[in-house]
Amino acid sequence: MKKIVLASKSLRRKQILEQVGLKFSVDVSNFDEKTVSAKKPGELVKLLSLAKANAVADKYKDAIVIGSDTVVVLGSEILGKPETKKEAKKMLEKLSGKTHSVFSGYAVVDVKSKKTISGYVETKVKFKDLTDKEISTYVTKCEVLDKAGAYAIQDKAAVFIEYIQGDYLSIVGLPLAAIYKALKKFGVDITKNW
C-alpha cells in the first residue's frame, strides 16, 4: 500500500484519520497561508488545502498526501484563527445567536501520478445566544487561539451549539467522507484496515 501523509499539524485531523484506522504519517506543511487569497471562502479553503498538500508532496517520490484547511464565515466575513484572546472574545460575540458556515477544504494528491482531487464542504452551525460570562469563561479557560472562529465544537463549545446542518467532522476540521471517496479513487480503501 502507498505511503499516506497528512500535511497538517492539527491534532484533531490526526485523530479523525486514526479513529477510522488509516495508517499514515504526519509531515507538517510550512506553507505560508497569507500568500493565498480568494473571493469566496470555499475557493479559499480549497486553494489552501491544495497548497499545503503540494508543499509536502514535493518531499516524496511516491505517496498520497492529504491537505486540509478550515474557516468560519459569518455573512461575508471570514473568521480565521484569532491572534489574541480579545479577538477571540469579539468573534464569539459576533457568532452569538447566529447561524454561520464552516468551510473545510481538502486536497488529496497522488505524488507519482500527479493526480489531484480537491474540494470543500460547507456546514451550517447555529449558536445559542451567549452571555458575556459564558464568552469570558470560555475564552479564559479554553484553548481558542488555534481554532477558526475561536471555538472547538468537539470540546466545551459544544454547549453553545443549537444545531448543525451538514458534516460534523468537517466542523472539527476534516471532511472525512469526501477524503474517503478521494482515497478510494486512488486505490486506498480505509475499510481494509478494519
N, C-alpha and C. Protein backbone atom coordinates (compact mmCIF):
# COMPACT_ATOMS: atom_id res chain seq x y z
N MET A 1 0.84 -1.19 0.00
CA MET A 1 0.00 0.00 0.00
C MET A 1 0.88 1.25 0.00
N LYS A 2 0.42 2.26 -0.71
CA LYS A 2 1.17 3.51 -0.79
C LYS A 2 1.26 4.19 0.56
N LYS A 3 2.33 4.94 0.71
CA LYS A 3 2.51 5.75 1.92
C LYS A 3 1.48 6.88 1.88
N ILE A 4 0.76 7.07 3.00
CA ILE A 4 -0.21 8.16 3.12
C ILE A 4 0.39 9.18 4.08
N VAL A 5 0.32 10.45 3.71
CA VAL A 5 0.90 11.52 4.52
C VAL A 5 -0.16 12.59 4.77
N LEU A 6 -0.33 12.97 6.03
CA LEU A 6 -1.20 14.08 6.39
C LEU A 6 -0.35 15.34 6.51
N ALA A 7 -0.65 16.35 5.68
CA ALA A 7 0.12 17.59 5.66
C ALA A 7 -0.49 18.60 6.62
N SER A 8 -0.51 18.25 7.91
CA SER A 8 -1.13 19.12 8.90
C SER A 8 -0.59 18.83 10.29
N LYS A 9 -0.45 19.89 11.09
CA LYS A 9 -0.04 19.69 12.48
C LYS A 9 -1.25 19.56 13.40
N SER A 10 -2.45 19.64 12.83
CA SER A 10 -3.67 19.60 13.63
C SER A 10 -3.87 18.24 14.30
N LEU A 11 -3.91 18.26 15.62
CA LEU A 11 -4.15 17.03 16.38
C LEU A 11 -5.54 16.48 16.06
N ARG A 12 -6.51 17.37 15.85
CA ARG A 12 -7.87 16.93 15.55
C ARG A 12 -7.94 16.17 14.23
N ARG A 13 -7.26 16.67 13.21
CA ARG A 13 -7.26 15.98 11.91
C ARG A 13 -6.59 14.61 12.04
N LYS A 14 -5.50 14.58 12.78
CA LYS A 14 -4.79 13.31 13.01
C LYS A 14 -5.70 12.30 13.71
N GLN A 15 -6.41 12.76 14.73
CA GLN A 15 -7.30 11.86 15.49
C GLN A 15 -8.45 11.33 14.62
N ILE A 16 -8.98 12.16 13.73
CA ILE A 16 -10.07 11.71 12.86
C ILE A 16 -9.60 10.57 11.96
N LEU A 17 -8.42 10.73 11.37
CA LEU A 17 -7.89 9.66 10.49
C LEU A 17 -7.53 8.41 11.28
N GLU A 18 -7.01 8.60 12.49
CA GLU A 18 -6.68 7.43 13.34
C GLU A 18 -7.94 6.67 13.74
N GLN A 19 -9.01 7.41 14.01
CA GLN A 19 -10.23 6.76 14.50
C GLN A 19 -10.84 5.82 13.45
N VAL A 20 -10.56 6.07 12.16
CA VAL A 20 -11.09 5.18 11.13
C VAL A 20 -10.06 4.14 10.66
N GLY A 21 -8.92 4.09 11.35
CA GLY A 21 -7.95 3.03 11.10
C GLY A 21 -6.98 3.27 9.96
N LEU A 22 -6.90 4.50 9.44
CA LEU A 22 -5.96 4.77 8.35
C LEU A 22 -4.54 4.78 8.88
N LYS A 23 -3.65 4.11 8.16
CA LYS A 23 -2.23 4.11 8.51
C LYS A 23 -1.58 5.26 7.72
N PHE A 24 -0.98 6.20 8.44
CA PHE A 24 -0.41 7.38 7.79
C PHE A 24 0.67 7.99 8.66
N SER A 25 1.44 8.88 8.06
CA SER A 25 2.41 9.65 8.83
C SER A 25 2.03 11.12 8.71
N VAL A 26 2.63 11.94 9.56
CA VAL A 26 2.35 13.38 9.55
C VAL A 26 3.61 14.10 9.10
N ASP A 27 3.45 15.00 8.14
CA ASP A 27 4.55 15.85 7.68
C ASP A 27 3.96 17.25 7.56
N VAL A 28 4.27 18.10 8.50
CA VAL A 28 3.64 19.42 8.58
C VAL A 28 4.09 20.32 7.45
N SER A 29 3.12 20.92 6.79
CA SER A 29 3.39 21.87 5.72
C SER A 29 3.79 23.21 6.35
N ASN A 30 4.85 23.80 5.84
CA ASN A 30 5.27 25.12 6.30
C ASN A 30 4.81 26.20 5.34
N PHE A 31 3.79 25.88 4.55
CA PHE A 31 3.27 26.82 3.57
C PHE A 31 2.72 28.06 4.26
N ASP A 32 3.04 29.23 3.73
CA ASP A 32 2.58 30.50 4.30
C ASP A 32 1.16 30.79 3.80
N GLU A 33 0.18 30.59 4.67
CA GLU A 33 -1.23 30.73 4.30
C GLU A 33 -1.59 32.14 3.85
N LYS A 34 -0.82 33.12 4.29
CA LYS A 34 -1.13 34.52 3.95
C LYS A 34 -0.86 34.84 2.48
N THR A 35 -0.19 33.92 1.77
CA THR A 35 0.12 34.17 0.36
C THR A 35 -1.04 33.80 -0.57
N VAL A 36 -2.11 33.22 0.00
CA VAL A 36 -3.25 32.80 -0.81
C VAL A 36 -4.46 33.67 -0.50
N SER A 37 -5.15 34.08 -1.55
CA SER A 37 -6.40 34.82 -1.34
C SER A 37 -7.41 34.36 -2.37
N ALA A 38 -8.67 34.50 -2.03
CA ALA A 38 -9.76 34.14 -2.93
C ALA A 38 -10.99 34.94 -2.51
N LYS A 39 -11.86 35.19 -3.45
CA LYS A 39 -13.07 35.97 -3.15
C LYS A 39 -14.10 35.16 -2.34
N LYS A 40 -14.15 33.85 -2.60
CA LYS A 40 -15.14 33.00 -1.94
C LYS A 40 -14.46 32.08 -0.94
N PRO A 41 -15.08 31.88 0.25
CA PRO A 41 -14.46 31.05 1.28
C PRO A 41 -14.23 29.60 0.86
N GLY A 42 -15.16 29.05 0.09
CA GLY A 42 -14.98 27.67 -0.38
C GLY A 42 -13.74 27.54 -1.25
N GLU A 43 -13.57 28.51 -2.13
CA GLU A 43 -12.40 28.53 -3.01
C GLU A 43 -11.12 28.72 -2.20
N LEU A 44 -11.17 29.59 -1.18
CA LEU A 44 -10.01 29.84 -0.33
C LEU A 44 -9.53 28.57 0.37
N VAL A 45 -10.44 27.85 1.03
CA VAL A 45 -10.01 26.65 1.76
C VAL A 45 -9.56 25.55 0.81
N LYS A 46 -10.15 25.50 -0.37
CA LYS A 46 -9.72 24.52 -1.38
C LYS A 46 -8.29 24.84 -1.84
N LEU A 47 -8.02 26.12 -2.15
CA LEU A 47 -6.67 26.53 -2.58
C LEU A 47 -5.63 26.30 -1.48
N LEU A 48 -5.99 26.64 -0.23
CA LEU A 48 -5.06 26.45 0.88
C LEU A 48 -4.77 24.97 1.11
N SER A 49 -5.80 24.14 1.03
CA SER A 49 -5.62 22.69 1.21
C SER A 49 -4.66 22.14 0.16
N LEU A 50 -4.86 22.56 -1.08
CA LEU A 50 -4.02 22.10 -2.18
C LEU A 50 -2.59 22.60 -2.03
N ALA A 51 -2.43 23.86 -1.63
CA ALA A 51 -1.08 24.42 -1.45
C ALA A 51 -0.33 23.69 -0.35
N LYS A 52 -1.02 23.39 0.76
CA LYS A 52 -0.39 22.65 1.86
C LYS A 52 0.01 21.25 1.41
N ALA A 53 -0.90 20.57 0.72
CA ALA A 53 -0.62 19.21 0.25
C ALA A 53 0.55 19.20 -0.73
N ASN A 54 0.55 20.16 -1.67
CA ASN A 54 1.63 20.22 -2.67
C ASN A 54 2.99 20.54 -2.05
N ALA A 55 2.99 21.41 -1.03
CA ALA A 55 4.25 21.75 -0.35
C ALA A 55 4.88 20.51 0.27
N VAL A 56 4.07 19.63 0.82
CA VAL A 56 4.57 18.39 1.41
C VAL A 56 4.86 17.34 0.33
N ALA A 57 4.02 17.30 -0.70
CA ALA A 57 4.19 16.31 -1.79
C ALA A 57 5.56 16.45 -2.46
N ASP A 58 6.09 17.66 -2.50
CA ASP A 58 7.40 17.90 -3.12
C ASP A 58 8.52 17.11 -2.45
N LYS A 59 8.30 16.64 -1.23
CA LYS A 59 9.34 15.91 -0.48
C LYS A 59 9.34 14.40 -0.78
N TYR A 60 8.34 13.93 -1.52
CA TYR A 60 8.17 12.49 -1.73
C TYR A 60 8.18 12.11 -3.20
N LYS A 61 8.62 10.86 -3.47
CA LYS A 61 8.60 10.34 -4.84
C LYS A 61 7.31 9.58 -5.11
N ASP A 62 6.81 8.88 -4.08
CA ASP A 62 5.61 8.06 -4.25
C ASP A 62 4.83 8.03 -2.94
N ALA A 63 3.80 8.86 -2.87
CA ALA A 63 2.97 8.92 -1.66
C ALA A 63 1.64 9.58 -2.04
N ILE A 64 0.69 9.44 -1.15
CA ILE A 64 -0.56 10.18 -1.28
C ILE A 64 -0.61 11.15 -0.11
N VAL A 65 -0.75 12.43 -0.44
CA VAL A 65 -0.69 13.49 0.58
C VAL A 65 -2.08 14.13 0.72
N ILE A 66 -2.48 14.29 1.99
CA ILE A 66 -3.78 14.89 2.31
C ILE A 66 -3.54 16.26 2.94
N GLY A 67 -4.18 17.28 2.36
CA GLY A 67 -4.13 18.62 2.92
C GLY A 67 -5.54 19.08 3.26
N SER A 68 -5.67 19.94 4.26
CA SER A 68 -6.99 20.44 4.65
C SER A 68 -6.87 21.83 5.28
N ASP A 69 -7.94 22.59 5.18
CA ASP A 69 -7.98 23.91 5.81
C ASP A 69 -9.43 24.25 6.14
N THR A 70 -9.63 24.99 7.23
CA THR A 70 -10.98 25.30 7.69
C THR A 70 -11.11 26.78 8.04
N VAL A 71 -12.23 27.39 7.62
CA VAL A 71 -12.54 28.75 8.05
C VAL A 71 -14.00 28.82 8.48
N VAL A 72 -14.28 29.78 9.34
CA VAL A 72 -15.65 30.07 9.78
C VAL A 72 -16.08 31.36 9.07
N VAL A 73 -17.31 31.37 8.55
CA VAL A 73 -17.79 32.52 7.81
C VAL A 73 -19.13 32.98 8.38
N LEU A 74 -19.19 34.24 8.74
CA LEU A 74 -20.43 34.85 9.24
C LEU A 74 -20.80 35.97 8.27
N GLY A 75 -21.91 35.76 7.55
CA GLY A 75 -22.26 36.71 6.50
C GLY A 75 -21.21 36.67 5.42
N SER A 76 -20.51 37.78 5.21
CA SER A 76 -19.42 37.81 4.22
C SER A 76 -18.05 37.90 4.90
N GLU A 77 -18.03 37.80 6.23
CA GLU A 77 -16.78 37.94 6.98
C GLU A 77 -16.17 36.57 7.30
N ILE A 78 -14.91 36.41 6.91
CA ILE A 78 -14.18 35.18 7.22
C ILE A 78 -13.52 35.34 8.57
N LEU A 79 -13.83 34.40 9.48
CA LEU A 79 -13.22 34.40 10.81
C LEU A 79 -12.20 33.27 10.86
N GLY A 80 -10.95 33.63 10.79
CA GLY A 80 -9.88 32.63 10.87
C GLY A 80 -9.55 32.34 12.32
N LYS A 81 -8.28 32.07 12.57
CA LYS A 81 -7.83 31.82 13.95
C LYS A 81 -7.52 33.16 14.60
N PRO A 82 -8.08 33.42 15.77
CA PRO A 82 -7.79 34.70 16.44
C PRO A 82 -6.33 34.75 16.90
N GLU A 83 -5.78 35.95 16.90
CA GLU A 83 -4.39 36.11 17.33
C GLU A 83 -4.27 36.44 18.81
N THR A 84 -5.37 36.94 19.40
CA THR A 84 -5.37 37.27 20.83
C THR A 84 -6.69 36.80 21.45
N LYS A 85 -6.71 36.72 22.77
CA LYS A 85 -7.95 36.33 23.46
C LYS A 85 -9.02 37.42 23.30
N LYS A 86 -8.59 38.66 23.19
CA LYS A 86 -9.51 39.77 22.97
C LYS A 86 -10.22 39.60 21.61
N GLU A 87 -9.44 39.22 20.60
CA GLU A 87 -10.00 38.98 19.26
C GLU A 87 -10.94 37.76 19.30
N ALA A 88 -10.57 36.74 20.06
CA ALA A 88 -11.42 35.54 20.20
C ALA A 88 -12.76 35.92 20.82
N LYS A 89 -12.73 36.77 21.83
CA LYS A 89 -13.95 37.22 22.50
C LYS A 89 -14.87 37.94 21.52
N LYS A 90 -14.29 38.80 20.68
CA LYS A 90 -15.07 39.54 19.68
C LYS A 90 -15.70 38.57 18.67
N MET A 91 -14.96 37.55 18.28
CA MET A 91 -15.50 36.57 17.33
C MET A 91 -16.71 35.85 17.92
N LEU A 92 -16.58 35.42 19.17
CA LEU A 92 -17.68 34.70 19.81
C LEU A 92 -18.89 35.61 20.02
N GLU A 93 -18.65 36.88 20.30
CA GLU A 93 -19.76 37.84 20.43
C GLU A 93 -20.51 37.97 19.10
N LYS A 94 -19.75 37.96 17.99
CA LYS A 94 -20.37 38.04 16.67
C LYS A 94 -21.19 36.79 16.36
N LEU A 95 -20.68 35.62 16.76
CA LEU A 95 -21.34 34.35 16.45
C LEU A 95 -22.57 34.10 17.32
N SER A 96 -22.62 34.73 18.48
CA SER A 96 -23.71 34.54 19.44
C SER A 96 -25.09 34.74 18.81
N GLY A 97 -25.94 33.71 18.94
CA GLY A 97 -27.31 33.78 18.45
C GLY A 97 -27.49 33.70 16.95
N LYS A 98 -26.39 33.47 16.23
CA LYS A 98 -26.47 33.50 14.77
C LYS A 98 -26.09 32.14 14.15
N THR A 99 -26.47 32.01 12.89
CA THR A 99 -26.05 30.85 12.10
C THR A 99 -24.87 31.27 11.25
N HIS A 100 -23.82 30.45 11.28
CA HIS A 100 -22.65 30.73 10.45
C HIS A 100 -22.31 29.47 9.65
N SER A 101 -21.38 29.62 8.74
CA SER A 101 -20.93 28.47 7.93
C SER A 101 -19.50 28.13 8.28
N VAL A 102 -19.21 26.84 8.28
CA VAL A 102 -17.85 26.36 8.42
C VAL A 102 -17.48 25.72 7.08
N PHE A 103 -16.44 26.24 6.47
CA PHE A 103 -15.95 25.70 5.20
C PHE A 103 -14.68 24.92 5.48
N SER A 104 -14.67 23.64 5.11
CA SER A 104 -13.47 22.82 5.23
C SER A 104 -13.05 22.33 3.86
N GLY A 105 -11.86 22.75 3.46
CA GLY A 105 -11.32 22.32 2.18
C GLY A 105 -10.50 21.06 2.36
N TYR A 106 -10.32 20.34 1.26
CA TYR A 106 -9.47 19.15 1.28
C TYR A 106 -8.78 19.01 -0.07
N ALA A 107 -7.62 18.39 -0.04
CA ALA A 107 -6.90 18.04 -1.26
C ALA A 107 -6.20 16.72 -1.02
N VAL A 108 -6.33 15.82 -1.98
CA VAL A 108 -5.64 14.54 -1.92
C VAL A 108 -4.79 14.47 -3.18
N VAL A 109 -3.47 14.36 -2.99
CA VAL A 109 -2.52 14.42 -4.10
C VAL A 109 -1.76 13.10 -4.19
N ASP A 110 -1.81 12.48 -5.37
CA ASP A 110 -1.00 11.29 -5.65
C ASP A 110 0.29 11.79 -6.28
N VAL A 111 1.38 11.72 -5.53
CA VAL A 111 2.64 12.31 -5.96
C VAL A 111 3.14 11.71 -7.27
N LYS A 112 3.09 10.38 -7.38
CA LYS A 112 3.65 9.70 -8.55
C LYS A 112 2.86 10.02 -9.83
N SER A 113 1.56 9.89 -9.78
CA SER A 113 0.74 10.12 -10.98
C SER A 113 0.43 11.60 -11.21
N LYS A 114 0.69 12.41 -10.20
CA LYS A 114 0.39 13.86 -10.22
C LYS A 114 -1.11 14.15 -10.28
N LYS A 115 -1.94 13.15 -9.98
CA LYS A 115 -3.39 13.36 -9.94
C LYS A 115 -3.78 14.00 -8.63
N THR A 116 -4.79 14.87 -8.69
CA THR A 116 -5.25 15.59 -7.51
C THR A 116 -6.77 15.59 -7.47
N ILE A 117 -7.31 15.38 -6.29
CA ILE A 117 -8.74 15.56 -6.06
C ILE A 117 -8.87 16.57 -4.93
N SER A 118 -9.61 17.65 -5.20
CA SER A 118 -9.77 18.65 -4.15
C SER A 118 -11.18 19.22 -4.19
N GLY A 119 -11.57 19.83 -3.09
CA GLY A 119 -12.89 20.41 -2.99
C GLY A 119 -13.09 21.00 -1.61
N TYR A 120 -14.35 21.25 -1.27
CA TYR A 120 -14.65 21.77 0.06
C TYR A 120 -16.06 21.35 0.45
N VAL A 121 -16.30 21.40 1.76
CA VAL A 121 -17.60 21.07 2.32
C VAL A 121 -18.05 22.26 3.16
N GLU A 122 -19.30 22.65 3.00
CA GLU A 122 -19.86 23.73 3.82
C GLU A 122 -20.88 23.15 4.79
N THR A 123 -20.75 23.50 6.07
CA THR A 123 -21.67 23.05 7.10
C THR A 123 -22.18 24.28 7.85
N LYS A 124 -23.47 24.31 8.12
CA LYS A 124 -24.08 25.43 8.86
C LYS A 124 -24.11 25.09 10.35
N VAL A 125 -23.82 26.10 11.17
CA VAL A 125 -23.82 25.94 12.62
C VAL A 125 -24.61 27.08 13.24
N LYS A 126 -25.55 26.74 14.11
CA LYS A 126 -26.36 27.76 14.80
C LYS A 126 -25.93 27.82 16.26
N PHE A 127 -25.45 29.00 16.68
CA PHE A 127 -25.08 29.24 18.07
C PHE A 127 -26.30 29.71 18.86
N LYS A 128 -26.41 29.33 20.11
CA LYS A 128 -27.41 29.90 21.00
C LYS A 128 -26.95 31.31 21.37
N ASP A 129 -27.82 32.07 21.99
CA ASP A 129 -27.41 33.39 22.49
C ASP A 129 -26.45 33.17 23.66
N LEU A 130 -25.27 33.73 23.55
CA LEU A 130 -24.25 33.56 24.59
C LEU A 130 -24.24 34.76 25.53
N THR A 131 -24.07 34.50 26.80
CA THR A 131 -23.94 35.60 27.76
C THR A 131 -22.48 36.06 27.77
N ASP A 132 -22.26 37.26 28.29
CA ASP A 132 -20.88 37.76 28.42
C ASP A 132 -20.06 36.83 29.30
N LYS A 133 -20.69 36.31 30.35
CA LYS A 133 -20.00 35.41 31.28
C LYS A 133 -19.58 34.12 30.57
N GLU A 134 -20.47 33.56 29.75
CA GLU A 134 -20.13 32.33 29.02
C GLU A 134 -18.94 32.57 28.08
N ILE A 135 -18.97 33.69 27.39
CA ILE A 135 -17.88 34.01 26.46
C ILE A 135 -16.58 34.21 27.22
N SER A 136 -16.61 35.00 28.29
CA SER A 136 -15.40 35.26 29.07
C SER A 136 -14.82 33.99 29.67
N THR A 137 -15.69 33.15 30.23
CA THR A 137 -15.23 31.89 30.82
C THR A 137 -14.60 31.00 29.76
N TYR A 138 -15.25 30.88 28.60
CA TYR A 138 -14.73 30.02 27.54
C TYR A 138 -13.36 30.52 27.05
N VAL A 139 -13.26 31.82 26.79
CA VAL A 139 -12.01 32.39 26.28
C VAL A 139 -10.89 32.26 27.31
N THR A 140 -11.23 32.41 28.60
CA THR A 140 -10.23 32.33 29.66
C THR A 140 -9.77 30.90 29.92
N LYS A 141 -10.69 29.95 29.90
CA LYS A 141 -10.36 28.59 30.33
C LYS A 141 -10.11 27.59 29.21
N CYS A 142 -10.42 27.95 27.98
CA CYS A 142 -10.26 27.01 26.87
C CYS A 142 -9.26 27.53 25.84
N GLU A 143 -8.70 26.61 25.08
CA GLU A 143 -7.74 26.99 24.03
C GLU A 143 -8.53 27.53 22.83
N VAL A 144 -8.36 28.80 22.53
CA VAL A 144 -9.14 29.43 21.46
C VAL A 144 -8.28 29.94 20.30
N LEU A 145 -6.99 30.10 20.52
CA LEU A 145 -6.14 30.76 19.54
C LEU A 145 -5.81 29.91 18.32
N ASP A 146 -5.94 28.59 18.42
CA ASP A 146 -5.63 27.76 17.24
C ASP A 146 -6.89 27.21 16.58
N LYS A 147 -8.02 27.89 16.81
CA LYS A 147 -9.31 27.43 16.29
C LYS A 147 -9.94 28.49 15.39
N ALA A 148 -10.32 28.10 14.19
CA ALA A 148 -11.06 29.02 13.31
C ALA A 148 -12.36 29.40 14.00
N GLY A 149 -12.65 30.70 14.04
CA GLY A 149 -13.85 31.18 14.70
C GLY A 149 -13.76 31.17 16.22
N ALA A 150 -12.59 30.82 16.76
CA ALA A 150 -12.31 30.84 18.21
C ALA A 150 -13.07 29.79 19.02
N TYR A 151 -13.51 28.71 18.38
CA TYR A 151 -14.19 27.67 19.16
C TYR A 151 -13.92 26.28 18.57
N ALA A 152 -14.09 25.28 19.42
CA ALA A 152 -13.96 23.88 19.00
C ALA A 152 -15.26 23.16 19.36
N ILE A 153 -15.99 22.73 18.34
CA ILE A 153 -17.29 22.08 18.55
C ILE A 153 -17.14 20.77 19.32
N GLN A 154 -15.97 20.12 19.19
CA GLN A 154 -15.77 18.83 19.85
C GLN A 154 -15.36 18.98 21.32
N ASP A 155 -15.17 20.21 21.76
CA ASP A 155 -14.79 20.46 23.15
C ASP A 155 -15.95 21.14 23.89
N LYS A 156 -15.61 21.99 24.82
CA LYS A 156 -16.61 22.62 25.67
C LYS A 156 -17.59 23.52 24.92
N ALA A 157 -17.19 24.03 23.76
CA ALA A 157 -18.09 24.88 22.97
C ALA A 157 -19.30 24.11 22.45
N ALA A 158 -19.31 22.81 22.58
CA ALA A 158 -20.47 22.00 22.17
C ALA A 158 -21.75 22.50 22.84
N VAL A 159 -21.64 23.05 24.05
CA VAL A 159 -22.84 23.53 24.76
C VAL A 159 -23.41 24.81 24.13
N PHE A 160 -22.64 25.46 23.25
CA PHE A 160 -23.10 26.69 22.60
C PHE A 160 -23.93 26.41 21.33
N ILE A 161 -23.93 25.16 20.88
CA ILE A 161 -24.50 24.82 19.57
C ILE A 161 -25.96 24.42 19.70
N GLU A 162 -26.83 25.12 18.98
CA GLU A 162 -28.24 24.74 18.93
C GLU A 162 -28.46 23.63 17.92
N TYR A 163 -27.83 23.76 16.75
CA TYR A 163 -27.91 22.68 15.76
C TYR A 163 -26.83 22.86 14.70
N ILE A 164 -26.58 21.78 13.97
CA ILE A 164 -25.72 21.86 12.80
C ILE A 164 -26.49 21.27 11.62
N GLN A 165 -26.12 21.71 10.45
CA GLN A 165 -26.71 21.20 9.23
C GLN A 165 -25.54 20.84 8.31
N GLY A 166 -25.26 19.54 8.22
CA GLY A 166 -24.15 19.12 7.38
C GLY A 166 -23.22 18.15 8.09
N ASP A 167 -21.93 18.25 7.76
CA ASP A 167 -20.91 17.29 8.16
C ASP A 167 -20.20 17.72 9.46
N TYR A 168 -20.48 17.00 10.55
CA TYR A 168 -19.88 17.32 11.85
C TYR A 168 -18.35 17.31 11.80
N LEU A 169 -17.76 16.27 11.21
CA LEU A 169 -16.30 16.15 11.20
C LEU A 169 -15.64 17.28 10.40
N SER A 170 -16.39 17.81 9.46
CA SER A 170 -15.90 18.95 8.70
C SER A 170 -15.72 20.17 9.61
N ILE A 171 -16.63 20.33 10.57
CA ILE A 171 -16.52 21.43 11.53
C ILE A 171 -15.30 21.21 12.43
N VAL A 172 -15.06 19.97 12.80
CA VAL A 172 -13.89 19.63 13.63
C VAL A 172 -12.61 19.95 12.85
N GLY A 173 -12.67 19.83 11.50
CA GLY A 173 -11.51 20.23 10.70
C GLY A 173 -11.14 19.32 9.55
N LEU A 174 -11.88 18.23 9.34
CA LEU A 174 -11.52 17.32 8.25
C LEU A 174 -12.77 16.70 7.64
N PRO A 175 -13.07 17.04 6.38
CA PRO A 175 -14.25 16.45 5.73
C PRO A 175 -13.97 14.99 5.34
N LEU A 176 -14.13 14.11 6.31
CA LEU A 176 -13.71 12.72 6.17
C LEU A 176 -14.41 11.98 5.03
N ALA A 177 -15.73 12.16 4.89
CA ALA A 177 -16.46 11.45 3.84
C ALA A 177 -15.89 11.79 2.46
N ALA A 178 -15.59 13.06 2.22
CA ALA A 178 -15.04 13.49 0.94
C ALA A 178 -13.63 12.92 0.74
N ILE A 179 -12.84 12.91 1.80
CA ILE A 179 -11.47 12.37 1.71
C ILE A 179 -11.51 10.86 1.48
N TYR A 180 -12.43 10.17 2.14
CA TYR A 180 -12.60 8.73 1.95
C TYR A 180 -12.88 8.40 0.48
N LYS A 181 -13.79 9.17 -0.13
CA LYS A 181 -14.12 8.97 -1.56
C LYS A 181 -12.89 9.20 -2.44
N ALA A 182 -12.15 10.28 -2.14
CA ALA A 182 -10.96 10.62 -2.93
C ALA A 182 -9.90 9.52 -2.81
N LEU A 183 -9.66 9.04 -1.59
CA LEU A 183 -8.67 7.98 -1.38
C LEU A 183 -9.06 6.71 -2.14
N LYS A 184 -10.34 6.38 -2.14
CA LYS A 184 -10.81 5.20 -2.89
C LYS A 184 -10.49 5.32 -4.37
N LYS A 185 -10.62 6.53 -4.91
CA LYS A 185 -10.30 6.74 -6.33
C LYS A 185 -8.82 6.52 -6.62
N PHE A 186 -7.99 6.66 -5.59
CA PHE A 186 -6.55 6.41 -5.73
C PHE A 186 -6.18 5.00 -5.27
N GLY A 187 -7.20 4.16 -5.07
CA GLY A 187 -6.94 2.76 -4.72
C GLY A 187 -6.69 2.51 -3.24
N VAL A 188 -6.98 3.47 -2.39
CA VAL A 188 -6.80 3.30 -0.95
C VAL A 188 -8.17 3.12 -0.30
N ASP A 189 -8.40 1.93 0.27
CA ASP A 189 -9.67 1.66 0.93
C ASP A 189 -9.43 1.56 2.43
N ILE A 190 -9.88 2.58 3.14
CA ILE A 190 -9.69 2.64 4.60
C ILE A 190 -10.25 1.39 5.28
N THR A 191 -11.36 0.87 4.76
CA THR A 191 -12.04 -0.25 5.43
C THR A 191 -11.22 -1.53 5.42
N LYS A 192 -10.18 -1.62 4.59
CA LYS A 192 -9.32 -2.82 4.58
C LYS A 192 -8.53 -2.97 5.87
N ASN A 193 -8.38 -1.86 6.60
CA ASN A 193 -7.62 -1.90 7.87
C ASN A 193 -8.48 -2.26 9.07
N TRP A 194 -9.77 -2.46 8.86
CA TRP A 194 -10.67 -2.73 9.97
C TRP A 194 -10.59 -4.17 10.43
